[in-house]
Structure formats: structure tokens, C-alpha cells
Amino acid sequence: ILRAMRWHVLLRWEDGHRSTLVYEGP
């Protein structure tokens, strides 16, 4: 988990919209 990896991060916004972001890091 401390190695730099690429992750898709799923968010749900207060208005119900969902977004997928790309996070790179540990």
C-alpha cells in the first residue's frame, strides 16, 4: 500500500451524481 499505484476512486456527490477519478500514489 505504500508503493505508488494507480487507483480509480469512485465518488458520490451530494446531488447524486457519481464520478470516477484517477489517483496515483500510495
mmCIF file of all heavy atoms, coordinates in Angstrom:
data_MODEL
# 
_entry.id   MODEL 
# 
loop_
_atom_site.group_PDB 
_atom_site.id 
_atom_site.type_symbol 
_atom_site.label_atom_id 
_atom_site.label_alt_id 
_atom_site.label_comp_id 
_atom_site.label_asym_id 
_atom_site.label_entity_id 
_atom_site.label_seq_id 
_atom_site.pdbx_PDB_ins_code 
_atom_site.Cartn_x 
_atom_site.Cartn_y 
_atom_site.Cartn_z 
_atom_site.occupancy 
_atom_site.B_iso_or_equiv 
_atom_site.pdbx_formal_charge 
_atom_site.auth_seq_id 
_atom_site.auth_comp_id 
_atom_site.auth_asym_id 
_atom_site.auth_atom_id 
_atom_site.pdbx_PDB_model_num 
ATOM 1   N N   . ILE A 1 1  ? 0.803   -1.221 0.000   1.00 0.00 ? 1  ILE A N   1 
ATOM 2   C CA  . ILE A 1 1  ? 0.000   0.000  0.000   1.00 0.00 ? 1  ILE A CA  1 
ATOM 3   C C   . ILE A 1 1  ? 0.838   1.274  0.000   1.00 0.00 ? 1  ILE A C   1 
ATOM 4   O O   . ILE A 1 1  ? 0.326   2.343  -0.269  1.00 0.00 ? 1  ILE A O   1 
ATOM 5   C CB  . ILE A 1 1  ? -0.998  0.024  1.171   1.00 0.00 ? 1  ILE A CB  1 
ATOM 6   C CG1 . ILE A 1 1  ? -0.267  -0.009 2.497   1.00 0.00 ? 1  ILE A CG1 1 
ATOM 7   C CG2 . ILE A 1 1  ? -1.996  -1.091 1.052   1.00 0.00 ? 1  ILE A CG2 1 
ATOM 8   C CD1 . ILE A 1 1  ? -1.159  0.212  3.691   1.00 0.00 ? 1  ILE A CD1 1 
ATOM 9   N N   . LEU A 1 2  ? 2.134   1.173  0.292   1.00 0.00 ? 2  LEU A N   1 
ATOM 10  C CA  . LEU A 1 2  ? 2.985   2.368  0.265   1.00 0.00 ? 2  LEU A CA  1 
ATOM 11  C C   . LEU A 1 2  ? 3.631   2.576  -1.099  1.00 0.00 ? 2  LEU A C   1 
ATOM 12  O O   . LEU A 1 2  ? 4.255   3.598  -1.330  1.00 0.00 ? 2  LEU A O   1 
ATOM 13  C CB  . LEU A 1 2  ? 4.052   2.277  1.357   1.00 0.00 ? 2  LEU A CB  1 
ATOM 14  C CG  . LEU A 1 2  ? 3.490   2.274  2.782   1.00 0.00 ? 2  LEU A CG  1 
ATOM 15  C CD1 . LEU A 1 2  ? 4.619   2.159  3.793   1.00 0.00 ? 2  LEU A CD1 1 
ATOM 16  C CD2 . LEU A 1 2  ? 2.645   3.502  3.049   1.00 0.00 ? 2  LEU A CD2 1 
ATOM 17  N N   . ARG A 1 3  ? 3.495   1.613  -2.001  1.00 0.00 ? 3  ARG A N   1 
ATOM 18  C CA  . ARG A 1 3  ? 4.053   1.724  -3.343  1.00 0.00 ? 3  ARG A CA  1 
ATOM 19  C C   . ARG A 1 3  ? 3.143   2.611  -4.195  1.00 0.00 ? 3  ARG A C   1 
ATOM 20  O O   . ARG A 1 3  ? 1.930   2.612  -4.043  1.00 0.00 ? 3  ARG A O   1 
ATOM 21  C CB  . ARG A 1 3  ? 4.127   0.321  -3.954  1.00 0.00 ? 3  ARG A CB  1 
ATOM 22  C CG  . ARG A 1 3  ? 5.078   0.241  -5.104  1.00 0.00 ? 3  ARG A CG  1 
ATOM 23  C CD  . ARG A 1 3  ? 5.315   -1.200 -5.456  1.00 0.00 ? 3  ARG A CD  1 
ATOM 24  N NE  . ARG A 1 3  ? 4.872   -1.337 -6.824  1.00 0.00 ? 3  ARG A NE  1 
ATOM 25  C CZ  . ARG A 1 3  ? 4.314   -2.384 -7.344  1.00 0.00 ? 3  ARG A CZ  1 
ATOM 26  N NH1 . ARG A 1 3  ? 4.097   -3.441 -6.615  1.00 0.00 ? 3  ARG A NH1 1 
ATOM 27  N NH2 . ARG A 1 3  ? 3.959   -2.414 -8.591  1.00 0.00 ? 3  ARG A NH2 1 
ATOM 28  N N   . ALA A 1 4  ? 3.721   3.352  -5.107  1.00 0.00 ? 4  ALA A N   1 
ATOM 29  C CA  . ALA A 1 4  ? 2.923   4.213  -5.980  1.00 0.00 ? 4  ALA A CA  1 
ATOM 30  C C   . ALA A 1 4  ? 2.119   3.355  -6.946  1.00 0.00 ? 4  ALA A C   1 
ATOM 31  O O   . ALA A 1 4  ? 2.669   2.635  -7.757  1.00 0.00 ? 4  ALA A O   1 
ATOM 32  C CB  . ALA A 1 4  ? 3.818   5.183  -6.738  1.00 0.00 ? 4  ALA A CB  1 
ATOM 33  N N   . MET A 1 5  ? 0.817   3.436  -6.810  1.00 0.00 ? 5  MET A N   1 
ATOM 34  C CA  . MET A 1 5  ? -0.097  2.672  -7.647  1.00 0.00 ? 5  MET A CA  1 
ATOM 35  C C   . MET A 1 5  ? -1.099  3.644  -8.263  1.00 0.00 ? 5  MET A C   1 
ATOM 36  O O   . MET A 1 5  ? -1.260  4.772  -7.819  1.00 0.00 ? 5  MET A O   1 
ATOM 37  C CB  . MET A 1 5  ? -0.847  1.629  -6.813  1.00 0.00 ? 5  MET A CB  1 
ATOM 38  C CG  . MET A 1 5  ? 0.038   0.586  -6.159  1.00 0.00 ? 5  MET A CG  1 
ATOM 39  S SD  . MET A 1 5  ? 0.826   -0.515 -7.325  1.00 0.00 ? 5  MET A SD  1 
ATOM 40  C CE  . MET A 1 5  ? -0.570  -1.504 -7.833  1.00 0.00 ? 5  MET A CE  1 
ATOM 41  N N   . ARG A 1 6  ? -1.780  3.165  -9.279  1.00 0.00 ? 6  ARG A N   1 
ATOM 42  C CA  . ARG A 1 6  ? -2.869  3.929  -9.895  1.00 0.00 ? 6  ARG A CA  1 
ATOM 43  C C   . ARG A 1 6  ? -4.179  3.335  -9.393  1.00 0.00 ? 6  ARG A C   1 
ATOM 44  O O   . ARG A 1 6  ? -4.357  2.122  -9.383  1.00 0.00 ? 6  ARG A O   1 
ATOM 45  C CB  . ARG A 1 6  ? -2.783  3.837  -11.405 1.00 0.00 ? 6  ARG A CB  1 
ATOM 46  C CG  . ARG A 1 6  ? -3.918  4.592  -12.103 1.00 0.00 ? 6  ARG A CG  1 
ATOM 47  C CD  . ARG A 1 6  ? -3.767  4.519  -13.570 1.00 0.00 ? 6  ARG A CD  1 
ATOM 48  N NE  . ARG A 1 6  ? -2.870  5.602  -13.937 1.00 0.00 ? 6  ARG A NE  1 
ATOM 49  C CZ  . ARG A 1 6  ? -2.662  6.005  -15.169 1.00 0.00 ? 6  ARG A CZ  1 
ATOM 50  N NH1 . ARG A 1 6  ? -3.248  5.406  -16.160 1.00 0.00 ? 6  ARG A NH1 1 
ATOM 51  N NH2 . ARG A 1 6  ? -1.846  6.998  -15.409 1.00 0.00 ? 6  ARG A NH2 1 
ATOM 52  N N   . TRP A 1 7  ? -5.084  4.209  -8.979  1.00 0.00 ? 7  TRP A N   1 
ATOM 53  C CA  . TRP A 1 7  ? -6.366  3.806  -8.404  1.00 0.00 ? 7  TRP A CA  1 
ATOM 54  C C   . TRP A 1 7  ? -7.503  4.556  -9.075  1.00 0.00 ? 7  TRP A C   1 
ATOM 55  O O   . TRP A 1 7  ? -7.362  5.735  -9.395  1.00 0.00 ? 7  TRP A O   1 
ATOM 56  C CB  . TRP A 1 7  ? -6.413  4.153  -6.912  1.00 0.00 ? 7  TRP A CB  1 
ATOM 57  C CG  . TRP A 1 7  ? -5.293  3.607  -6.112  1.00 0.00 ? 7  TRP A CG  1 
ATOM 58  C CD1 . TRP A 1 7  ? -4.048  4.167  -5.922  1.00 0.00 ? 7  TRP A CD1 1 
ATOM 59  C CD2 . TRP A 1 7  ? -5.265  2.379  -5.400  1.00 0.00 ? 7  TRP A CD2 1 
ATOM 60  N NE1 . TRP A 1 7  ? -3.288  3.368  -5.139  1.00 0.00 ? 7  TRP A NE1 1 
ATOM 61  C CE2 . TRP A 1 7  ? -3.996  2.258  -4.795  1.00 0.00 ? 7  TRP A CE2 1 
ATOM 62  C CE3 . TRP A 1 7  ? -6.203  1.374  -5.195  1.00 0.00 ? 7  TRP A CE3 1 
ATOM 63  C CZ2 . TRP A 1 7  ? -3.643  1.174  -4.010  1.00 0.00 ? 7  TRP A CZ2 1 
ATOM 64  C CZ3 . TRP A 1 7  ? -5.853  0.288  -4.409  1.00 0.00 ? 7  TRP A CZ3 1 
ATOM 65  C CH2 . TRP A 1 7  ? -4.585  0.197  -3.827  1.00 0.00 ? 7  TRP A CH2 1 
ATOM 66  N N   . HIS A 1 8  ? -8.625  3.897  -9.292  1.00 0.00 ? 8  HIS A N   1 
ATOM 67  C CA  . HIS A 1 8  ? -9.864  4.570  -9.650  1.00 0.00 ? 8  HIS A CA  1 
ATOM 68  C C   . HIS A 1 8  ? -10.591 4.827  -8.336  1.00 0.00 ? 8  HIS A C   1 
ATOM 69  O O   . HIS A 1 8  ? -10.739 3.917  -7.513  1.00 0.00 ? 8  HIS A O   1 
ATOM 70  C CB  . HIS A 1 8  ? -10.729 3.712  -10.568 1.00 0.00 ? 8  HIS A CB  1 
ATOM 71  C CG  . HIS A 1 8  ? -10.186 3.619  -11.950 1.00 0.00 ? 8  HIS A CG  1 
ATOM 72  N ND1 . HIS A 1 8  ? -10.698 2.767  -12.884 1.00 0.00 ? 8  HIS A ND1 1 
ATOM 73  C CD2 . HIS A 1 8  ? -9.173  4.277  -12.571 1.00 0.00 ? 8  HIS A CD2 1 
ATOM 74  C CE1 . HIS A 1 8  ? -10.026 2.888  -14.011 1.00 0.00 ? 8  HIS A CE1 1 
ATOM 75  N NE2 . HIS A 1 8  ? -9.093  3.793  -13.846 1.00 0.00 ? 8  HIS A NE2 1 
ATOM 76  N N   . VAL A 1 9  ? -11.008 6.052  -8.136  1.00 0.00 ? 9  VAL A N   1 
ATOM 77  C CA  . VAL A 1 9  ? -11.700 6.454  -6.916  1.00 0.00 ? 9  VAL A CA  1 
ATOM 78  C C   . VAL A 1 9  ? -13.131 6.827  -7.294  1.00 0.00 ? 9  VAL A C   1 
ATOM 79  O O   . VAL A 1 9  ? -13.351 7.721  -8.107  1.00 0.00 ? 9  VAL A O   1 
ATOM 80  C CB  . VAL A 1 9  ? -11.008 7.666  -6.253  1.00 0.00 ? 9  VAL A CB  1 
ATOM 81  C CG1 . VAL A 1 9  ? -11.685 8.014  -4.940  1.00 0.00 ? 9  VAL A CG1 1 
ATOM 82  C CG2 . VAL A 1 9  ? -9.519  7.409  -6.059  1.00 0.00 ? 9  VAL A CG2 1 
ATOM 83  N N   . LEU A 1 10 ? -14.094 6.108  -6.731  1.00 0.00 ? 10 LEU A N   1 
ATOM 84  C CA  . LEU A 1 10 ? -15.498 6.360  -7.022  1.00 0.00 ? 10 LEU A CA  1 
ATOM 85  C C   . LEU A 1 10 ? -16.068 7.320  -5.979  1.00 0.00 ? 10 LEU A C   1 
ATOM 86  O O   . LEU A 1 10 ? -15.965 7.072  -4.774  1.00 0.00 ? 10 LEU A O   1 
ATOM 87  C CB  . LEU A 1 10 ? -16.288 5.055  -7.009  1.00 0.00 ? 10 LEU A CB  1 
ATOM 88  C CG  . LEU A 1 10 ? -17.791 5.168  -7.288  1.00 0.00 ? 10 LEU A CG  1 
ATOM 89  C CD1 . LEU A 1 10 ? -18.052 5.764  -8.670  1.00 0.00 ? 10 LEU A CD1 1 
ATOM 90  C CD2 . LEU A 1 10 ? -18.451 3.810  -7.166  1.00 0.00 ? 10 LEU A CD2 1 
ATOM 91  N N   . LEU A 1 11 ? -16.636 8.425  -6.467  1.00 0.00 ? 11 LEU A N   1 
ATOM 92  C CA  . LEU A 1 11 ? -17.256 9.429  -5.596  1.00 0.00 ? 11 LEU A CA  1 
ATOM 93  C C   . LEU A 1 11 ? -18.750 9.486  -5.864  1.00 0.00 ? 11 LEU A C   1 
ATOM 94  O O   . LEU A 1 11 ? -19.192 9.301  -7.000  1.00 0.00 ? 11 LEU A O   1 
ATOM 95  C CB  . LEU A 1 11 ? -16.699 10.834 -5.881  1.00 0.00 ? 11 LEU A CB  1 
ATOM 96  C CG  . LEU A 1 11 ? -15.215 11.087 -5.756  1.00 0.00 ? 11 LEU A CG  1 
ATOM 97  C CD1 . LEU A 1 11 ? -14.921 12.548 -6.075  1.00 0.00 ? 11 LEU A CD1 1 
ATOM 98  C CD2 . LEU A 1 11 ? -14.703 10.728 -4.391  1.00 0.00 ? 11 LEU A CD2 1 
ATOM 99  N N   . ARG A 1 12 ? -19.519 9.771  -4.813  1.00 0.00 ? 12 ARG A N   1 
ATOM 100 C CA  . ARG A 1 12 ? -20.939 10.096 -4.964  1.00 0.00 ? 12 ARG A CA  1 
ATOM 101 C C   . ARG A 1 12 ? -21.118 11.510 -4.427  1.00 0.00 ? 12 ARG A C   1 
ATOM 102 O O   . ARG A 1 12 ? -20.792 11.796 -3.270  1.00 0.00 ? 12 ARG A O   1 
ATOM 103 C CB  . ARG A 1 12 ? -21.832 9.128  -4.208  1.00 0.00 ? 12 ARG A CB  1 
ATOM 104 C CG  . ARG A 1 12 ? -23.317 9.480  -4.386  1.00 0.00 ? 12 ARG A CG  1 
ATOM 105 C CD  . ARG A 1 12 ? -24.272 8.509  -3.744  1.00 0.00 ? 12 ARG A CD  1 
ATOM 106 N NE  . ARG A 1 12 ? -23.908 8.283  -2.357  1.00 0.00 ? 12 ARG A NE  1 
ATOM 107 C CZ  . ARG A 1 12 ? -23.950 7.093  -1.759  1.00 0.00 ? 12 ARG A CZ  1 
ATOM 108 N NH1 . ARG A 1 12 ? -24.322 6.024  -2.408  1.00 0.00 ? 12 ARG A NH1 1 
ATOM 109 N NH2 . ARG A 1 12 ? -23.607 6.978  -0.495  1.00 0.00 ? 12 ARG A NH2 1 
ATOM 110 N N   . TRP A 1 13 ? -21.621 12.383 -5.280  1.00 0.00 ? 13 TRP A N   1 
ATOM 111 C CA  . TRP A 1 13 ? -21.829 13.779 -4.904  1.00 0.00 ? 13 TRP A CA  1 
ATOM 112 C C   . TRP A 1 13 ? -23.161 13.935 -4.196  1.00 0.00 ? 13 TRP A C   1 
ATOM 113 O O   . TRP A 1 13 ? -24.055 13.109 -4.344  1.00 0.00 ? 13 TRP A O   1 
ATOM 114 C CB  . TRP A 1 13 ? -21.782 14.656 -6.163  1.00 0.00 ? 13 TRP A CB  1 
ATOM 115 C CG  . TRP A 1 13 ? -20.428 14.650 -6.790  1.00 0.00 ? 13 TRP A CG  1 
ATOM 116 C CD1 . TRP A 1 13 ? -19.978 13.799 -7.759  1.00 0.00 ? 13 TRP A CD1 1 
ATOM 117 C CD2 . TRP A 1 13 ? -19.325 15.480 -6.461  1.00 0.00 ? 13 TRP A CD2 1 
ATOM 118 N NE1 . TRP A 1 13 ? -18.676 14.068 -8.049  1.00 0.00 ? 13 TRP A NE1 1 
ATOM 119 C CE2 . TRP A 1 13 ? -18.242 15.094 -7.274  1.00 0.00 ? 13 TRP A CE2 1 
ATOM 120 C CE3 . TRP A 1 13 ? -19.138 16.515 -5.553  1.00 0.00 ? 13 TRP A CE3 1 
ATOM 121 C CZ2 . TRP A 1 13 ? -17.003 15.715 -7.204  1.00 0.00 ? 13 TRP A CZ2 1 
ATOM 122 C CZ3 . TRP A 1 13 ? -17.899 17.140 -5.494  1.00 0.00 ? 13 TRP A CZ3 1 
ATOM 123 C CH2 . TRP A 1 13 ? -16.851 16.735 -6.311  1.00 0.00 ? 13 TRP A CH2 1 
ATOM 124 N N   . GLU A 1 14 ? -23.287 15.002 -3.445  1.00 0.00 ? 14 GLU A N   1 
ATOM 125 C CA  . GLU A 1 14 ? -24.495 15.293 -2.679  1.00 0.00 ? 14 GLU A CA  1 
ATOM 126 C C   . GLU A 1 14 ? -25.747 15.319 -3.568  1.00 0.00 ? 14 GLU A C   1 
ATOM 127 O O   . GLU A 1 14 ? -26.829 14.970 -3.132  1.00 0.00 ? 14 GLU A O   1 
ATOM 128 C CB  . GLU A 1 14 ? -24.318 16.641 -1.972  1.00 0.00 ? 14 GLU A CB  1 
ATOM 129 C CG  . GLU A 1 14 ? -25.400 17.008 -1.024  1.00 0.00 ? 14 GLU A CG  1 
ATOM 130 C CD  . GLU A 1 14 ? -25.074 18.315 -0.297  1.00 0.00 ? 14 GLU A CD  1 
ATOM 131 O OE1 . GLU A 1 14 ? -24.283 19.126 -0.804  1.00 0.00 ? 14 GLU A OE1 1 
ATOM 132 O OE2 . GLU A 1 14 ? -25.637 18.497 0.787   1.00 0.00 ? 14 GLU A OE2 1 
ATOM 133 N N   . ASP A 1 15 ? -25.566 15.704 -4.838  1.00 0.00 ? 15 ASP A N   1 
ATOM 134 C CA  . ASP A 1 15 ? -26.707 15.754 -5.763  1.00 0.00 ? 15 ASP A CA  1 
ATOM 135 C C   . ASP A 1 15 ? -26.990 14.402 -6.419  1.00 0.00 ? 15 ASP A C   1 
ATOM 136 O O   . ASP A 1 15 ? -27.847 14.291 -7.287  1.00 0.00 ? 15 ASP A O   1 
ATOM 137 C CB  . ASP A 1 15 ? -26.500 16.836 -6.821  1.00 0.00 ? 15 ASP A CB  1 
ATOM 138 C CG  . ASP A 1 15 ? -25.320 16.563 -7.750  1.00 0.00 ? 15 ASP A CG  1 
ATOM 139 O OD1 . ASP A 1 15 ? -24.582 15.572 -7.545  1.00 0.00 ? 15 ASP A OD1 1 
ATOM 140 O OD2 . ASP A 1 15 ? -25.128 17.343 -8.698  1.00 0.00 ? 15 ASP A OD2 1 
ATOM 141 N N   . GLY A 1 16 ? -26.263 13.346 -6.002  1.00 0.00 ? 16 GLY A N   1 
ATOM 142 C CA  . GLY A 1 16 ? -26.495 12.002 -6.524  1.00 0.00 ? 16 GLY A CA  1 
ATOM 143 C C   . GLY A 1 16 ? -25.598 11.612 -7.681  1.00 0.00 ? 16 GLY A C   1 
ATOM 144 O O   . GLY A 1 16 ? -25.517 10.435 -8.031  1.00 0.00 ? 16 GLY A O   1 
ATOM 145 N N   . HIS A 1 17 ? -24.930 12.571 -8.303  1.00 0.00 ? 17 HIS A N   1 
ATOM 146 C CA  . HIS A 1 17 ? -24.029 12.290 -9.416  1.00 0.00 ? 17 HIS A CA  1 
ATOM 147 C C   . HIS A 1 17 ? -22.840 11.455 -8.926  1.00 0.00 ? 17 HIS A C   1 
ATOM 148 O O   . HIS A 1 17 ? -22.377 11.634 -7.802  1.00 0.00 ? 17 HIS A O   1 
ATOM 149 C CB  . HIS A 1 17 ? -23.527 13.605 -10.019 1.00 0.00 ? 17 HIS A CB  1 
ATOM 150 C CG  . HIS A 1 17 ? -22.588 13.432 -11.160 1.00 0.00 ? 17 HIS A CG  1 
ATOM 151 N ND1 . HIS A 1 17 ? -23.020 13.165 -12.434 1.00 0.00 ? 17 HIS A ND1 1 
ATOM 152 C CD2 . HIS A 1 17 ? -21.234 13.475 -11.213 1.00 0.00 ? 17 HIS A CD2 1 
ATOM 153 C CE1 . HIS A 1 17 ? -21.964 13.052 -13.232 1.00 0.00 ? 17 HIS A CE1 1 
ATOM 154 N NE2 . HIS A 1 17 ? -20.880 13.244 -12.514 1.00 0.00 ? 17 HIS A NE2 1 
ATOM 155 N N   . ARG A 1 18 ? -22.376 10.538 -9.757  1.00 0.00 ? 18 ARG A N   1 
ATOM 156 C CA  . ARG A 1 18 ? -21.188 9.743  -9.422  1.00 0.00 ? 18 ARG A CA  1 
ATOM 157 C C   . ARG A 1 18 ? -20.060 10.089 -10.386 1.00 0.00 ? 18 ARG A C   1 
ATOM 158 O O   . ARG A 1 18 ? -20.307 10.309 -11.564 1.00 0.00 ? 18 ARG A O   1 
ATOM 159 C CB  . ARG A 1 18 ? -21.484 8.252  -9.494  1.00 0.00 ? 18 ARG A CB  1 
ATOM 160 C CG  . ARG A 1 18 ? -22.398 7.816  -8.376  1.00 0.00 ? 18 ARG A CG  1 
ATOM 161 C CD  . ARG A 1 18 ? -22.643 6.339  -8.403  1.00 0.00 ? 18 ARG A CD  1 
ATOM 162 N NE  . ARG A 1 18 ? -23.571 5.999  -7.334  1.00 0.00 ? 18 ARG A NE  1 
ATOM 163 C CZ  . ARG A 1 18 ? -23.431 4.960  -6.539  1.00 0.00 ? 18 ARG A CZ  1 
ATOM 164 N NH1 . ARG A 1 18 ? -22.426 4.128  -6.703  1.00 0.00 ? 18 ARG A NH1 1 
ATOM 165 N NH2 . ARG A 1 18 ? -24.300 4.726  -5.594  1.00 0.00 ? 18 ARG A NH2 1 
ATOM 166 N N   . SER A 1 19 ? -18.854 10.128 -9.867  1.00 0.00 ? 19 SER A N   1 
ATOM 167 C CA  . SER A 1 19 ? -17.665 10.416 -10.662 1.00 0.00 ? 19 SER A CA  1 
ATOM 168 C C   . SER A 1 19 ? -16.602 9.384  -10.352 1.00 0.00 ? 19 SER A C   1 
ATOM 169 O O   . SER A 1 19 ? -16.513 8.888  -9.225  1.00 0.00 ? 19 SER A O   1 
ATOM 170 C CB  . SER A 1 19 ? -17.089 11.799 -10.314 1.00 0.00 ? 19 SER A CB  1 
ATOM 171 O OG  . SER A 1 19 ? -18.010 12.824 -10.555 1.00 0.00 ? 19 SER A OG  1 
ATOM 172 N N   . THR A 1 20 ? -15.781 9.075  -11.344 1.00 0.00 ? 20 THR A N   1 
ATOM 173 C CA  . THR A 1 20 ? -14.613 8.236  -11.135 1.00 0.00 ? 20 THR A CA  1 
ATOM 174 C C   . THR A 1 20 ? -13.383 9.077  -11.429 1.00 0.00 ? 20 THR A C   1 
ATOM 175 O O   . THR A 1 20 ? -13.258 9.647  -12.510 1.00 0.00 ? 20 THR A O   1 
ATOM 176 C CB  . THR A 1 20 ? -14.634 6.996  -12.059 1.00 0.00 ? 20 THR A CB  1 
ATOM 177 O OG1 . THR A 1 20 ? -15.815 6.248  -11.787 1.00 0.00 ? 20 THR A OG1 1 
ATOM 178 C CG2 . THR A 1 20 ? -13.415 6.121  -11.814 1.00 0.00 ? 20 THR A CG2 1 
ATOM 179 N N   . LEU A 1 21 ? -12.512 9.179  -10.440 1.00 0.00 ? 21 LEU A N   1 
ATOM 180 C CA  . LEU A 1 21 ? -11.272 9.938  -10.563 1.00 0.00 ? 21 LEU A CA  1 
ATOM 181 C C   . LEU A 1 21 ? -10.107 8.966  -10.633 1.00 0.00 ? 21 LEU A C   1 
ATOM 182 O O   . LEU A 1 21 ? -10.224 7.819  -10.212 1.00 0.00 ? 21 LEU A O   1 
ATOM 183 C CB  . LEU A 1 21 ? -11.077 10.854 -9.352  1.00 0.00 ? 21 LEU A CB  1 
ATOM 184 C CG  . LEU A 1 21 ? -12.244 11.765 -8.981  1.00 0.00 ? 21 LEU A CG  1 
ATOM 185 C CD1 . LEU A 1 21 ? -11.926 12.512 -7.699  1.00 0.00 ? 21 LEU A CD1 1 
ATOM 186 C CD2 . LEU A 1 21 ? -12.536 12.726 -10.100 1.00 0.00 ? 21 LEU A CD2 1 
ATOM 187 N N   . VAL A 1 22 ? -8.975  9.437  -11.129 1.00 0.00 ? 22 VAL A N   1 
ATOM 188 C CA  . VAL A 1 22 ? -7.757  8.631  -11.139 1.00 0.00 ? 22 VAL A CA  1 
ATOM 189 C C   . VAL A 1 22 ? -6.791  9.230  -10.124 1.00 0.00 ? 22 VAL A C   1 
ATOM 190 O O   . VAL A 1 22 ? -6.432  10.405 -10.219 1.00 0.00 ? 22 VAL A O   1 
ATOM 191 C CB  . VAL A 1 22 ? -7.102  8.609  -12.540 1.00 0.00 ? 22 VAL A CB  1 
ATOM 192 C CG1 . VAL A 1 22 ? -5.793  7.840  -12.505 1.00 0.00 ? 22 VAL A CG1 1 
ATOM 193 C CG2 . VAL A 1 22 ? -8.055  7.992  -13.551 1.00 0.00 ? 22 VAL A CG2 1 
ATOM 194 N N   . TYR A 1 23 ? -6.429  8.434  -9.128  1.00 0.00 ? 23 TYR A N   1 
ATOM 195 C CA  . TYR A 1 23 ? -5.453  8.835  -8.111  1.00 0.00 ? 23 TYR A CA  1 
ATOM 196 C C   . TYR A 1 23 ? -4.207  7.996  -8.324  1.00 0.00 ? 23 TYR A C   1 
ATOM 197 O O   . TYR A 1 23 ? -4.303  6.782  -8.488  1.00 0.00 ? 23 TYR A O   1 
ATOM 198 C CB  . TYR A 1 23 ? -6.009  8.615  -6.703  1.00 0.00 ? 23 TYR A CB  1 
ATOM 199 C CG  . TYR A 1 23 ? -4.954  8.665  -5.623  1.00 0.00 ? 23 TYR A CG  1 
ATOM 200 C CD1 . TYR A 1 23 ? -4.311  9.856  -5.315  1.00 0.00 ? 23 TYR A CD1 1 
ATOM 201 C CD2 . TYR A 1 23 ? -4.574  7.523  -4.942  1.00 0.00 ? 23 TYR A CD2 1 
ATOM 202 C CE1 . TYR A 1 23 ? -3.330  9.907  -4.339  1.00 0.00 ? 23 TYR A CE1 1 
ATOM 203 C CE2 . TYR A 1 23 ? -3.596  7.567  -3.965  1.00 0.00 ? 23 TYR A CE2 1 
ATOM 204 C CZ  . TYR A 1 23 ? -2.977  8.761  -3.670  1.00 0.00 ? 23 TYR A CZ  1 
ATOM 205 O OH  . TYR A 1 23 ? -1.999  8.807  -2.711  1.00 0.00 ? 23 TYR A OH  1 
ATOM 206 N N   . GLU A 1 24 ? -3.059  8.647  -8.339  1.00 0.00 ? 24 GLU A N   1 
ATOM 207 C CA  . GLU A 1 24 ? -1.785  7.943  -8.458  1.00 0.00 ? 24 GLU A CA  1 
ATOM 208 C C   . GLU A 1 24 ? -0.966  8.195  -7.212  1.00 0.00 ? 24 GLU A C   1 
ATOM 209 O O   . GLU A 1 24 ? -0.675  9.338  -6.884  1.00 0.00 ? 24 GLU A O   1 
ATOM 210 C CB  . GLU A 1 24 ? -1.018  8.421  -9.688  1.00 0.00 ? 24 GLU A CB  1 
ATOM 211 C CG  . GLU A 1 24 ? -1.699  8.066  -10.982 1.00 0.00 ? 24 GLU A CG  1 
ATOM 212 C CD  . GLU A 1 24 ? -0.954  8.585  -12.193 1.00 0.00 ? 24 GLU A CD  1 
ATOM 213 O OE1 . GLU A 1 24 ? 0.027   9.348  -12.036 1.00 0.00 ? 24 GLU A OE1 1 
ATOM 214 O OE2 . GLU A 1 24 ? -1.360  8.235  -13.308 1.00 0.00 ? 24 GLU A OE2 1 
ATOM 215 N N   . GLY A 1 25 ? -0.634  7.122  -6.500  1.00 0.00 ? 25 GLY A N   1 
ATOM 216 C CA  . GLY A 1 25 ? 0.183   7.262  -5.307  1.00 0.00 ? 25 GLY A CA  1 
ATOM 217 C C   . GLY A 1 25 ? -0.091  6.134  -4.335  1.00 0.00 ? 25 GLY A C   1 
ATOM 218 O O   . GLY A 1 25 ? -0.901  5.243  -4.591  1.00 0.00 ? 25 GLY A O   1 
ATOM 219 N N   . PRO A 1 26 ? 0.576   6.194  -3.193  1.00 0.00 ? 26 PRO A N   1 
ATOM 220 C CA  . PRO A 1 26 ? 0.368   5.161  -2.177  1.00 0.00 ? 26 PRO A CA  1 
ATOM 221 C C   . PRO A 1 26 ? -0.936  5.417  -1.421  1.00 0.00 ? 26 PRO A C   1 
ATOM 222 O O   . PRO A 1 26 ? -1.429  6.542  -1.384  1.00 0.00 ? 26 PRO A O   1 
ATOM 223 C CB  . PRO A 1 26 ? 1.574   5.346  -1.252  1.00 0.00 ? 26 PRO A CB  1 
ATOM 224 C CG  . PRO A 1 26 ? 1.897   6.804  -1.366  1.00 0.00 ? 26 PRO A CG  1 
ATOM 225 C CD  . PRO A 1 26 ? 1.592   7.167  -2.800  1.00 0.00 ? 26 PRO A CD  1 
# 
